[in-house]
């Protein structure tokens, strides 16, 4: 059986193009999700797909970065699929279609995965250099704070936190009531400036 896998990194992105392409390739069932590829454990549909496929099945993806975020992750998963007799078809790998059922496909996937990871590392390196230069010029302030002393939710959480001896609440309960994470509450308390 031919399975498709479509993924985008955030809820605001659209899967339509990937799904249409996978249907055109004859995928009988398409697993899809809107989640970052960073952590494989968070990709529930992907993990369900891996549990579903069996010998002589194929997984089709539009691009390698929809399947895996690193060379190590890609190669480990592809090895597992190969051991189970499951093929992987990548429709656009540098403009070419790659099929791991073939020897040349296995070679290409290894080389191109390495290049893709190298490119990601180079982008990160350039980004860090840009941040350093911006800091030197005094124009980089970092990510803006989500919670300030004017945030009513945080103020409510801190009031409950400071009155724990009277209200008997745990930090976990305060987190649940206010929807402010424990880490944020503790950070605000440690900071001392927000009371």
N, C-alpha and C. Protein backbone atom coordinates (compact mmCIF):
# COMPACT_ATOMS: atom_id res chain seq x y z
N UNK A 1 0.85 -1.19 0.00
CA UNK A 1 0.00 0.00 0.00
C UNK A 1 0.89 1.24 0.00
N UNK A 2 0.42 2.29 -0.63
CA UNK A 2 1.16 3.54 -0.72
C UNK A 2 0.52 4.56 0.22
N UNK A 3 1.32 5.00 1.21
CA UNK A 3 0.85 5.98 2.19
C UNK A 3 1.52 7.32 1.92
N UNK A 4 0.78 8.39 2.16
CA UNK A 4 1.35 9.73 2.05
C UNK A 4 1.53 10.32 3.43
N UNK A 5 2.49 11.23 3.54
CA UNK A 5 2.68 11.97 4.79
C UNK A 5 2.87 13.44 4.45
N UNK A 6 1.99 14.28 5.01
CA UNK A 6 2.05 15.72 4.79
C UNK A 6 2.18 16.41 6.15
N UNK A 7 3.08 17.39 6.22
CA UNK A 7 3.28 18.10 7.48
C UNK A 7 3.67 19.54 7.21
N UNK A 8 3.12 20.43 8.02
CA UNK A 8 3.59 21.81 8.07
C UNK A 8 3.94 22.10 9.53
N UNK A 9 4.72 23.15 9.74
CA UNK A 9 5.27 23.40 11.07
C UNK A 9 4.33 24.14 12.01
N UNK A 10 3.33 24.82 11.48
CA UNK A 10 2.44 25.56 12.36
C UNK A 10 1.00 25.49 11.88
N UNK A 11 0.09 25.79 12.78
CA UNK A 11 -1.34 25.69 12.50
C UNK A 11 -1.77 26.65 11.39
N UNK A 12 -1.10 27.79 11.28
CA UNK A 12 -1.46 28.78 10.28
C UNK A 12 -1.10 28.39 8.86
N UNK A 13 -0.25 27.39 8.70
CA UNK A 13 0.17 26.98 7.36
C UNK A 13 -0.84 26.00 6.76
N UNK A 14 -0.77 25.84 5.44
CA UNK A 14 -1.76 25.06 4.72
C UNK A 14 -1.16 23.77 4.16
N UNK A 15 -1.88 22.67 4.27
CA UNK A 15 -1.44 21.35 3.80
C UNK A 15 -1.97 21.00 2.41
N UNK A 16 -2.82 21.83 1.85
CA UNK A 16 -3.54 21.49 0.62
C UNK A 16 -2.62 21.08 -0.52
N UNK A 17 -1.57 21.85 -0.77
CA UNK A 17 -0.67 21.55 -1.90
C UNK A 17 -0.02 20.19 -1.73
N UNK A 18 0.48 19.91 -0.51
CA UNK A 18 1.10 18.61 -0.26
C UNK A 18 0.10 17.47 -0.45
N UNK A 19 -1.09 17.63 0.10
CA UNK A 19 -2.11 16.58 0.02
C UNK A 19 -2.50 16.31 -1.43
N UNK A 20 -2.70 17.38 -2.21
CA UNK A 20 -3.05 17.20 -3.63
C UNK A 20 -1.95 16.47 -4.39
N UNK A 21 -0.70 16.83 -4.11
CA UNK A 21 0.44 16.17 -4.77
C UNK A 21 0.48 14.70 -4.40
N UNK A 22 0.27 14.38 -3.13
CA UNK A 22 0.31 12.98 -2.68
C UNK A 22 -0.84 12.17 -3.29
N UNK A 23 -2.00 12.79 -3.44
CA UNK A 23 -3.13 12.11 -4.09
C UNK A 23 -2.80 11.81 -5.55
N UNK A 24 -2.16 12.78 -6.23
CA UNK A 24 -1.78 12.58 -7.63
C UNK A 24 -0.77 11.45 -7.78
N UNK A 25 0.00 11.18 -6.73
CA UNK A 25 0.99 10.11 -6.75
C UNK A 25 0.37 8.75 -6.41
N UNK A 26 -0.94 8.73 -6.16
CA UNK A 26 -1.64 7.48 -5.91
C UNK A 26 -1.62 7.02 -4.47
N UNK A 27 -1.38 7.92 -3.54
CA UNK A 27 -1.40 7.54 -2.12
C UNK A 27 -2.82 7.18 -1.72
N UNK A 28 -2.97 6.01 -1.14
CA UNK A 28 -4.29 5.53 -0.77
C UNK A 28 -4.76 6.10 0.57
N UNK A 29 -3.80 6.39 1.44
CA UNK A 29 -4.13 7.00 2.72
C UNK A 29 -3.06 8.03 3.02
N UNK A 30 -3.48 9.20 3.49
CA UNK A 30 -2.54 10.29 3.77
C UNK A 30 -2.62 10.65 5.25
N UNK A 31 -1.49 10.56 5.93
CA UNK A 31 -1.37 11.00 7.31
C UNK A 31 -0.92 12.46 7.26
N UNK A 32 -1.55 13.30 8.07
CA UNK A 32 -1.20 14.72 8.02
C UNK A 32 -1.20 15.32 9.42
N UNK A 33 -0.38 16.37 9.58
CA UNK A 33 -0.37 17.06 10.86
C UNK A 33 0.26 18.44 10.71
N UNK A 34 -0.09 19.29 11.67
CA UNK A 34 0.46 20.64 11.73
C UNK A 34 1.23 20.74 13.04
N UNK A 35 2.51 20.40 12.95
CA UNK A 35 3.36 20.37 14.15
C UNK A 35 4.81 20.51 13.71
N UNK A 36 5.63 21.09 14.55
CA UNK A 36 7.05 21.21 14.24
C UNK A 36 7.69 19.83 14.12
N UNK A 37 8.63 19.70 13.21
CA UNK A 37 9.32 18.43 13.01
C UNK A 37 10.48 18.25 13.96
N UNK A 38 10.69 19.21 14.85
CA UNK A 38 11.86 19.19 15.72
C UNK A 38 11.92 17.95 16.60
N UNK A 39 10.80 17.61 17.21
CA UNK A 39 10.76 16.46 18.12
C UNK A 39 9.84 15.38 17.55
N UNK A 40 10.44 14.24 17.21
CA UNK A 40 9.66 13.16 16.59
C UNK A 40 8.55 12.65 17.50
N UNK A 41 8.75 12.73 18.80
CA UNK A 41 7.73 12.25 19.74
C UNK A 41 6.45 13.09 19.69
N UNK A 42 6.56 14.36 19.28
CA UNK A 42 5.39 15.24 19.20
C UNK A 42 4.59 15.00 17.92
N UNK A 43 5.15 14.25 16.99
CA UNK A 43 4.51 14.03 15.68
C UNK A 43 3.65 12.77 15.75
N UNK A 44 2.45 12.90 16.27
CA UNK A 44 1.59 11.74 16.52
C UNK A 44 1.19 11.04 15.23
N UNK A 45 0.81 11.79 14.20
CA UNK A 45 0.41 11.17 12.94
C UNK A 45 1.58 10.44 12.29
N UNK A 46 2.77 11.04 12.39
CA UNK A 46 3.96 10.41 11.83
C UNK A 46 4.23 9.08 12.53
N UNK A 47 4.15 9.08 13.86
CA UNK A 47 4.38 7.86 14.62
C UNK A 47 3.31 6.81 14.33
N UNK A 48 2.08 7.26 14.13
CA UNK A 48 1.00 6.33 13.77
C UNK A 48 1.28 5.71 12.39
N UNK A 49 1.78 6.53 11.47
CA UNK A 49 2.14 6.04 10.14
C UNK A 49 3.22 4.96 10.25
N UNK A 50 4.25 5.23 11.06
CA UNK A 50 5.34 4.26 11.22
C UNK A 50 4.84 2.94 11.80
N UNK A 51 3.83 3.02 12.67
CA UNK A 51 3.26 1.80 13.25
C UNK A 51 2.36 1.07 12.24
N UNK A 52 1.80 1.80 11.29
CA UNK A 52 0.85 1.23 10.33
C UNK A 52 1.54 0.49 9.19
N UNK A 53 2.63 1.06 8.67
CA UNK A 53 3.26 0.47 7.47
C UNK A 53 3.82 -0.92 7.75
N UNK A 54 3.77 -1.74 6.68
CA UNK A 54 4.32 -3.09 6.80
C UNK A 54 5.11 -3.40 5.53
N UNK A 55 5.67 -4.57 5.46
CA UNK A 55 6.52 -4.96 4.33
C UNK A 55 5.82 -4.72 2.99
N UNK A 56 6.60 -4.21 2.04
CA UNK A 56 6.16 -3.89 0.68
C UNK A 56 5.32 -2.61 0.57
N UNK A 57 5.08 -1.93 1.69
CA UNK A 57 4.41 -0.63 1.65
C UNK A 57 5.43 0.44 1.28
N UNK A 58 4.91 1.61 0.89
CA UNK A 58 5.76 2.78 0.61
C UNK A 58 5.18 4.00 1.30
N UNK A 59 6.07 4.87 1.74
CA UNK A 59 5.68 6.17 2.28
C UNK A 59 6.14 7.22 1.27
N UNK A 60 5.24 8.11 0.91
CA UNK A 60 5.55 9.16 -0.05
C UNK A 60 5.46 10.51 0.65
N UNK A 61 6.51 11.34 0.50
CA UNK A 61 6.51 12.70 1.02
C UNK A 61 6.91 13.65 -0.10
N UNK A 62 6.48 14.90 0.01
CA UNK A 62 6.80 15.85 -1.05
C UNK A 62 8.27 16.30 -0.97
N UNK A 63 8.78 16.49 0.25
CA UNK A 63 10.17 16.91 0.45
C UNK A 63 10.71 16.23 1.71
N UNK A 64 12.03 16.09 1.77
CA UNK A 64 12.67 15.43 2.90
C UNK A 64 12.41 16.16 4.21
N UNK A 65 12.38 17.51 4.18
CA UNK A 65 12.19 18.25 5.43
C UNK A 65 10.80 18.08 6.01
N UNK A 66 9.85 17.55 5.23
CA UNK A 66 8.53 17.21 5.77
C UNK A 66 8.61 15.90 6.55
N UNK A 67 9.59 15.08 6.22
CA UNK A 67 9.76 13.75 6.81
C UNK A 67 10.65 13.79 8.05
N UNK A 68 11.75 14.56 7.99
CA UNK A 68 12.71 14.59 9.09
C UNK A 68 13.39 15.94 9.14
N UNK A 69 13.87 16.33 10.32
CA UNK A 69 14.49 17.63 10.49
C UNK A 69 16.02 17.57 10.54
N UNK A 70 16.58 16.37 10.62
CA UNK A 70 18.04 16.26 10.67
C UNK A 70 18.48 15.02 9.91
N UNK A 71 19.74 15.01 9.52
CA UNK A 71 20.29 13.86 8.82
C UNK A 71 20.18 12.62 9.68
N UNK A 72 20.56 12.76 10.93
CA UNK A 72 20.54 11.61 11.84
C UNK A 72 19.13 11.03 11.96
N UNK A 73 18.15 11.91 12.14
CA UNK A 73 16.76 11.48 12.26
C UNK A 73 16.30 10.79 10.98
N UNK A 74 16.61 11.41 9.83
CA UNK A 74 16.19 10.84 8.54
C UNK A 74 16.80 9.47 8.33
N UNK A 75 18.10 9.37 8.52
CA UNK A 75 18.79 8.11 8.25
C UNK A 75 18.36 7.00 9.21
N UNK A 76 18.16 7.35 10.47
CA UNK A 76 17.70 6.36 11.45
C UNK A 76 16.32 5.82 11.06
N UNK A 77 15.41 6.72 10.70
CA UNK A 77 14.06 6.31 10.33
C UNK A 77 14.09 5.50 9.03
N UNK A 78 14.89 5.95 8.06
CA UNK A 78 14.99 5.23 6.78
C UNK A 78 15.56 3.83 6.99
N UNK A 79 16.58 3.70 7.87
CA UNK A 79 17.14 2.38 8.19
C UNK A 79 16.07 1.47 8.78
N UNK A 80 15.27 2.02 9.69
CA UNK A 80 14.19 1.24 10.31
C UNK A 80 13.20 0.79 9.24
N UNK A 81 12.85 1.71 8.34
CA UNK A 81 11.91 1.36 7.27
C UNK A 81 12.50 0.29 6.35
N UNK A 82 13.78 0.45 6.00
CA UNK A 82 14.45 -0.54 5.13
C UNK A 82 14.44 -1.92 5.78
N UNK A 83 14.73 -1.97 7.08
CA UNK A 83 14.74 -3.25 7.80
C UNK A 83 13.36 -3.92 7.76
N UNK A 84 12.32 -3.11 7.70
CA UNK A 84 10.95 -3.64 7.67
C UNK A 84 10.44 -3.85 6.26
N UNK A 85 11.27 -3.53 5.26
CA UNK A 85 10.87 -3.71 3.87
C UNK A 85 9.92 -2.64 3.37
N UNK A 86 10.01 -1.45 3.97
CA UNK A 86 9.15 -0.33 3.60
C UNK A 86 9.99 0.71 2.86
N UNK A 87 9.52 1.16 1.73
CA UNK A 87 10.24 2.15 0.94
C UNK A 87 9.82 3.56 1.27
N UNK A 88 10.70 4.50 0.96
CA UNK A 88 10.40 5.92 1.12
C UNK A 88 10.62 6.59 -0.23
N UNK A 89 9.63 7.34 -0.67
CA UNK A 89 9.73 8.08 -1.93
C UNK A 89 9.63 9.56 -1.60
N UNK A 90 10.66 10.30 -2.00
CA UNK A 90 10.68 11.75 -1.80
C UNK A 90 10.50 12.37 -3.19
N UNK A 91 9.43 13.11 -3.37
CA UNK A 91 9.07 13.60 -4.70
C UNK A 91 9.96 14.73 -5.19
N UNK A 92 10.46 15.55 -4.27
CA UNK A 92 11.30 16.67 -4.69
C UNK A 92 12.54 16.74 -3.79
N UNK A 93 13.58 16.08 -4.24
CA UNK A 93 14.85 16.09 -3.51
C UNK A 93 15.86 16.76 -4.43
N UNK A 94 15.95 18.09 -4.30
CA UNK A 94 16.83 18.83 -5.19
C UNK A 94 16.36 18.79 -6.62
N UNK A 95 15.05 18.69 -6.83
CA UNK A 95 14.49 18.65 -8.17
C UNK A 95 14.27 17.25 -8.71
N UNK A 96 14.80 16.24 -8.05
CA UNK A 96 14.66 14.86 -8.50
C UNK A 96 13.81 14.05 -7.53
N UNK A 97 13.23 12.99 -8.05
CA UNK A 97 12.47 12.04 -7.23
C UNK A 97 13.45 10.99 -6.73
N UNK A 98 13.39 10.68 -5.43
CA UNK A 98 14.29 9.70 -4.83
C UNK A 98 13.46 8.58 -4.21
N UNK A 99 13.84 7.36 -4.52
CA UNK A 99 13.14 6.18 -4.01
C UNK A 99 14.15 5.30 -3.30
N UNK A 100 13.97 5.11 -1.99
CA UNK A 100 14.94 4.32 -1.21
C UNK A 100 14.86 2.83 -1.49
N UNK A 101 13.94 2.41 -2.34
CA UNK A 101 13.89 1.01 -2.74
C UNK A 101 15.02 0.67 -3.71
N UNK A 102 15.68 1.71 -4.23
CA UNK A 102 16.77 1.50 -5.18
C UNK A 102 18.11 1.83 -4.52
N UNK A 103 19.18 1.25 -5.02
CA UNK A 103 20.52 1.51 -4.49
C UNK A 103 20.92 2.95 -4.64
N UNK A 104 20.68 3.53 -5.81
CA UNK A 104 21.03 4.93 -6.05
C UNK A 104 20.19 5.84 -5.17
N UNK A 105 18.94 5.45 -4.92
CA UNK A 105 18.08 6.23 -4.03
C UNK A 105 18.63 6.27 -2.61
N UNK A 106 19.12 5.12 -2.13
CA UNK A 106 19.70 5.07 -0.78
C UNK A 106 20.94 5.95 -0.69
N UNK A 107 21.78 5.91 -1.73
CA UNK A 107 22.99 6.74 -1.75
C UNK A 107 22.62 8.22 -1.77
N UNK A 108 21.70 8.58 -2.65
CA UNK A 108 21.30 9.99 -2.77
C UNK A 108 20.71 10.53 -1.48
N UNK A 109 19.90 9.74 -0.81
CA UNK A 109 19.26 10.20 0.42
C UNK A 109 20.31 10.49 1.48
N UNK A 110 21.34 9.65 1.57
CA UNK A 110 22.39 9.85 2.56
C UNK A 110 23.16 11.14 2.28
N UNK A 111 23.56 11.32 1.03
CA UNK A 111 24.33 12.51 0.66
C UNK A 111 23.50 13.78 0.81
N UNK A 112 22.29 13.76 0.28
CA UNK A 112 21.47 14.96 0.31
C UNK A 112 20.99 15.32 1.71
N UNK A 113 20.78 14.33 2.56
CA UNK A 113 20.42 14.61 3.95
C UNK A 113 21.55 15.36 4.63
N UNK A 114 22.77 14.92 4.37
CA UNK A 114 23.94 15.59 4.95
C UNK A 114 24.05 17.03 4.48
N UNK A 115 23.80 17.25 3.20
CA UNK A 115 23.86 18.61 2.65
C UNK A 115 22.76 19.48 3.26
N UNK A 116 21.57 18.92 3.41
CA UNK A 116 20.46 19.68 3.99
C UNK A 116 20.78 20.09 5.43
N UNK A 117 21.35 19.18 6.20
CA UNK A 117 21.69 19.51 7.59
C UNK A 117 22.80 20.55 7.63
N UNK A 118 23.78 20.43 6.72
CA UNK A 118 24.85 21.41 6.63
C UNK A 118 24.28 22.80 6.35
N UNK A 119 23.30 22.87 5.44
CA UNK A 119 22.68 24.14 5.10
C UNK A 119 21.97 24.75 6.30
N UNK A 120 21.26 23.93 7.06
CA UNK A 120 20.57 24.42 8.26
C UNK A 120 21.59 24.96 9.26
N UNK A 121 22.70 24.24 9.45
CA UNK A 121 23.75 24.70 10.36
C UNK A 121 24.35 26.03 9.91
N UNK A 122 24.52 26.19 8.60
CA UNK A 122 25.08 27.45 8.07
C UNK A 122 24.10 28.60 8.30
N UNK A 123 22.82 28.36 8.14
CA UNK A 123 21.81 29.40 8.39
C UNK A 123 21.85 29.82 9.85
N UNK A 124 21.93 28.84 10.76
CA UNK A 124 22.00 29.16 12.19
C UNK A 124 23.24 29.97 12.50
N UNK A 125 24.36 29.58 11.89
CA UNK A 125 25.62 30.28 12.12
C UNK A 125 25.51 31.74 11.66
N UNK A 126 24.95 31.95 10.48
CA UNK A 126 24.78 33.32 9.96
C UNK A 126 23.82 34.12 10.84
N UNK A 127 22.79 33.45 11.35
CA UNK A 127 21.83 34.13 12.22
C UNK A 127 22.52 34.59 13.50
N UNK A 128 23.33 33.71 14.09
CA UNK A 128 24.05 34.08 15.32
C UNK A 128 25.02 35.23 15.06
N UNK A 129 25.70 35.21 13.91
CA UNK A 129 26.60 36.31 13.55
C UNK A 129 25.83 37.61 13.44
N UNK A 130 24.64 37.55 12.81
CA UNK A 130 23.79 38.74 12.67
C UNK A 130 23.35 39.28 14.02
N UNK A 131 23.01 38.38 14.93
CA UNK A 131 22.59 38.80 16.28
C UNK A 131 23.76 39.47 16.99
N UNK A 132 24.95 38.90 16.88
CA UNK A 132 26.14 39.48 17.52
C UNK A 132 26.38 40.90 17.00
N UNK A 133 26.31 41.07 15.68
CA UNK A 133 26.51 42.40 15.09
C UNK A 133 25.44 43.38 15.56
N UNK A 134 24.19 42.91 15.63
CA UNK A 134 23.10 43.77 16.09
C UNK A 134 23.30 44.16 17.55
N UNK A 135 23.80 43.25 18.36
CA UNK A 135 24.07 43.56 19.77
C UNK A 135 25.17 44.61 19.88
N UNK A 136 26.21 44.46 19.05
CA UNK A 136 27.31 45.43 19.07
C UNK A 136 26.83 46.83 18.68
N UNK A 137 25.86 46.88 17.76
CA UNK A 137 25.31 48.18 17.34
C UNK A 137 24.25 48.67 18.34
N UNK A 138 23.86 47.82 19.28
CA UNK A 138 22.87 48.21 20.28
C UNK A 138 21.43 48.17 19.79
N UNK A 139 21.19 47.44 18.69
CA UNK A 139 19.83 47.39 18.16
C UNK A 139 19.12 46.07 18.45
N UNK A 140 19.81 45.12 19.03
CA UNK A 140 19.19 43.82 19.32
C UNK A 140 18.84 43.76 20.80
N UNK A 141 17.59 43.59 21.07
CA UNK A 141 17.11 43.55 22.46
C UNK A 141 16.64 42.16 22.87
N UNK A 142 16.68 41.20 21.95
CA UNK A 142 16.18 39.86 22.26
C UNK A 142 14.68 39.79 22.06
N UNK A 143 14.15 38.63 22.37
CA UNK A 143 12.71 38.42 22.21
C UNK A 143 11.96 39.27 23.24
N UNK A 144 10.89 39.95 22.83
CA UNK A 144 10.16 40.76 23.81
C UNK A 144 9.51 39.88 24.88
N UNK A 145 9.40 40.43 26.08
CA UNK A 145 8.81 39.68 27.18
C UNK A 145 7.32 39.50 26.93
N UNK A 146 6.85 38.28 27.16
CA UNK A 146 5.43 37.99 26.97
C UNK A 146 4.62 38.58 28.12
N UNK A 147 5.19 38.50 29.32
CA UNK A 147 4.48 38.98 30.50
C UNK A 147 5.26 40.14 31.12
N UNK A 148 4.57 41.24 31.32
CA UNK A 148 5.16 42.40 32.00
C UNK A 148 4.38 42.64 33.28
N UNK A 149 4.81 43.65 34.04
CA UNK A 149 4.09 43.94 35.29
C UNK A 149 2.67 44.42 35.03
N UNK A 150 2.35 44.78 33.77
CA UNK A 150 1.00 45.22 33.44
C UNK A 150 0.07 44.06 33.07
N UNK A 151 0.58 42.86 32.97
CA UNK A 151 -0.24 41.72 32.59
C UNK A 151 -1.13 41.30 33.75
N UNK A 152 -2.44 41.39 33.53
CA UNK A 152 -3.39 41.10 34.61
C UNK A 152 -3.35 39.64 35.06
N UNK A 153 -3.18 38.72 34.10
CA UNK A 153 -3.11 37.30 34.44
C UNK A 153 -1.92 37.00 35.34
N UNK A 154 -0.77 37.57 35.00
CA UNK A 154 0.43 37.36 35.82
C UNK A 154 0.25 38.00 37.19
N UNK A 155 -0.33 39.19 37.23
CA UNK A 155 -0.57 39.86 38.52
C UNK A 155 -1.48 39.01 39.41
N UNK A 156 -2.52 38.45 38.82
CA UNK A 156 -3.44 37.60 39.58
C UNK A 156 -2.69 36.36 40.10
N UNK A 157 -1.86 35.76 39.24
CA UNK A 157 -1.08 34.58 39.65
C UNK A 157 -0.13 34.93 40.79
N UNK A 158 0.52 36.09 40.71
CA UNK A 158 1.46 36.50 41.76
C UNK A 158 0.74 36.81 43.06
N UNK A 159 -0.45 37.42 42.96
CA UNK A 159 -1.23 37.69 44.18
C UNK A 159 -1.60 36.38 44.87
N UNK A 160 -2.07 35.42 44.08
CA UNK A 160 -2.41 34.11 44.65
C UNK A 160 -1.17 33.43 45.22
N UNK A 161 -0.05 33.56 44.53
CA UNK A 161 1.21 32.95 44.98
C UNK A 161 1.62 33.56 46.32
N UNK A 162 1.58 34.89 46.42
CA UNK A 162 2.01 35.57 47.64
C UNK A 162 1.06 35.33 48.81
N UNK A 163 -0.19 34.95 48.53
CA UNK A 163 -1.17 34.69 49.58
C UNK A 163 -1.38 33.20 49.83
N UNK A 164 -0.41 32.37 49.45
CA UNK A 164 -0.59 30.92 49.59
C UNK A 164 -0.80 30.49 51.04
N UNK A 165 -0.20 31.19 51.98
CA UNK A 165 -0.39 30.80 53.38
C UNK A 165 -1.84 31.03 53.83
N UNK A 166 -2.55 31.97 53.19
CA UNK A 166 -3.95 32.23 53.52
C UNK A 166 -4.90 31.38 52.66
N UNK A 167 -4.62 31.31 51.35
CA UNK A 167 -5.56 30.62 50.46
C UNK A 167 -5.29 29.12 50.33
N UNK A 168 -4.13 28.65 50.79
CA UNK A 168 -3.80 27.23 50.78
C UNK A 168 -3.59 26.63 49.40
N UNK A 169 -3.38 27.47 48.40
CA UNK A 169 -3.22 26.98 47.03
C UNK A 169 -1.79 26.53 46.75
N UNK A 170 -1.70 25.51 45.92
CA UNK A 170 -0.39 25.08 45.43
C UNK A 170 -0.08 25.87 44.15
N UNK A 171 1.19 25.87 43.77
CA UNK A 171 1.58 26.58 42.55
C UNK A 171 0.91 25.92 41.34
N UNK A 172 0.77 24.60 41.38
CA UNK A 172 0.11 23.89 40.29
C UNK A 172 -1.34 24.34 40.14
N UNK A 173 -2.03 24.54 41.26
CA UNK A 173 -3.42 25.01 41.24
C UNK A 173 -3.49 26.43 40.69
N UNK A 174 -2.54 27.27 41.11
CA UNK A 174 -2.49 28.66 40.61
C UNK A 174 -2.26 28.65 39.10
N UNK A 175 -1.37 27.77 38.66
CA UNK A 175 -1.09 27.65 37.22
C UNK A 175 -2.37 27.29 36.46
N UNK A 176 -3.13 26.36 37.01
CA UNK A 176 -4.36 25.91 36.35
C UNK A 176 -5.41 27.02 36.30
N UNK A 177 -5.55 27.75 37.39
CA UNK A 177 -6.56 28.80 37.47
C UNK A 177 -6.22 29.98 36.56
N UNK A 178 -4.95 30.39 36.56
CA UNK A 178 -4.56 31.61 35.85
C UNK A 178 -4.05 31.37 34.44
N UNK A 179 -3.73 30.11 34.14
CA UNK A 179 -3.16 29.77 32.84
C UNK A 179 -1.77 30.39 32.64
N UNK A 180 -1.09 30.66 33.74
CA UNK A 180 0.29 31.16 33.72
C UNK A 180 1.16 30.01 34.21
N UNK A 181 2.20 29.67 33.45
CA UNK A 181 3.01 28.51 33.80
C UNK A 181 3.76 28.71 35.11
N UNK A 182 4.08 27.57 35.74
CA UNK A 182 4.86 27.61 36.99
C UNK A 182 6.19 28.32 36.77
N UNK A 183 6.82 28.01 35.63
CA UNK A 183 8.12 28.62 35.34
C UNK A 183 8.01 30.14 35.28
N UNK A 184 6.95 30.65 34.66
CA UNK A 184 6.76 32.10 34.56
C UNK A 184 6.51 32.70 35.94
N UNK A 185 5.71 32.04 36.74
CA UNK A 185 5.43 32.52 38.10
C UNK A 185 6.73 32.58 38.90
N UNK A 186 7.49 31.49 38.91
CA UNK A 186 8.74 31.46 39.68
C UNK A 186 9.74 32.49 39.16
N UNK A 187 9.79 32.66 37.84
CA UNK A 187 10.72 33.64 37.25
C UNK A 187 10.34 35.05 37.72
N UNK A 188 9.04 35.35 37.73
CA UNK A 188 8.57 36.68 38.16
C UNK A 188 8.87 36.89 39.65
N UNK A 189 8.68 35.84 40.45
CA UNK A 189 8.95 35.94 41.88
C UNK A 189 10.44 36.15 42.13
N UNK A 190 11.26 35.37 41.44
CA UNK A 190 12.72 35.51 41.60
C UNK A 190 13.21 36.88 41.14
N UNK A 191 12.57 37.39 40.08
CA UNK A 191 12.97 38.70 39.55
C UNK A 191 12.76 39.81 40.57
N UNK A 192 11.78 39.63 41.43
CA UNK A 192 11.57 40.59 42.51
C UNK A 192 10.89 41.87 42.09
N UNK A 193 11.05 42.25 40.81
CA UNK A 193 10.50 43.52 40.36
C UNK A 193 9.00 43.47 40.17
N UNK A 194 8.45 42.31 39.93
CA UNK A 194 7.01 42.20 39.69
C UNK A 194 6.38 41.63 40.94
N UNK A 195 5.64 42.44 41.69
CA UNK A 195 5.01 41.98 42.92
C UNK A 195 3.58 42.45 43.01
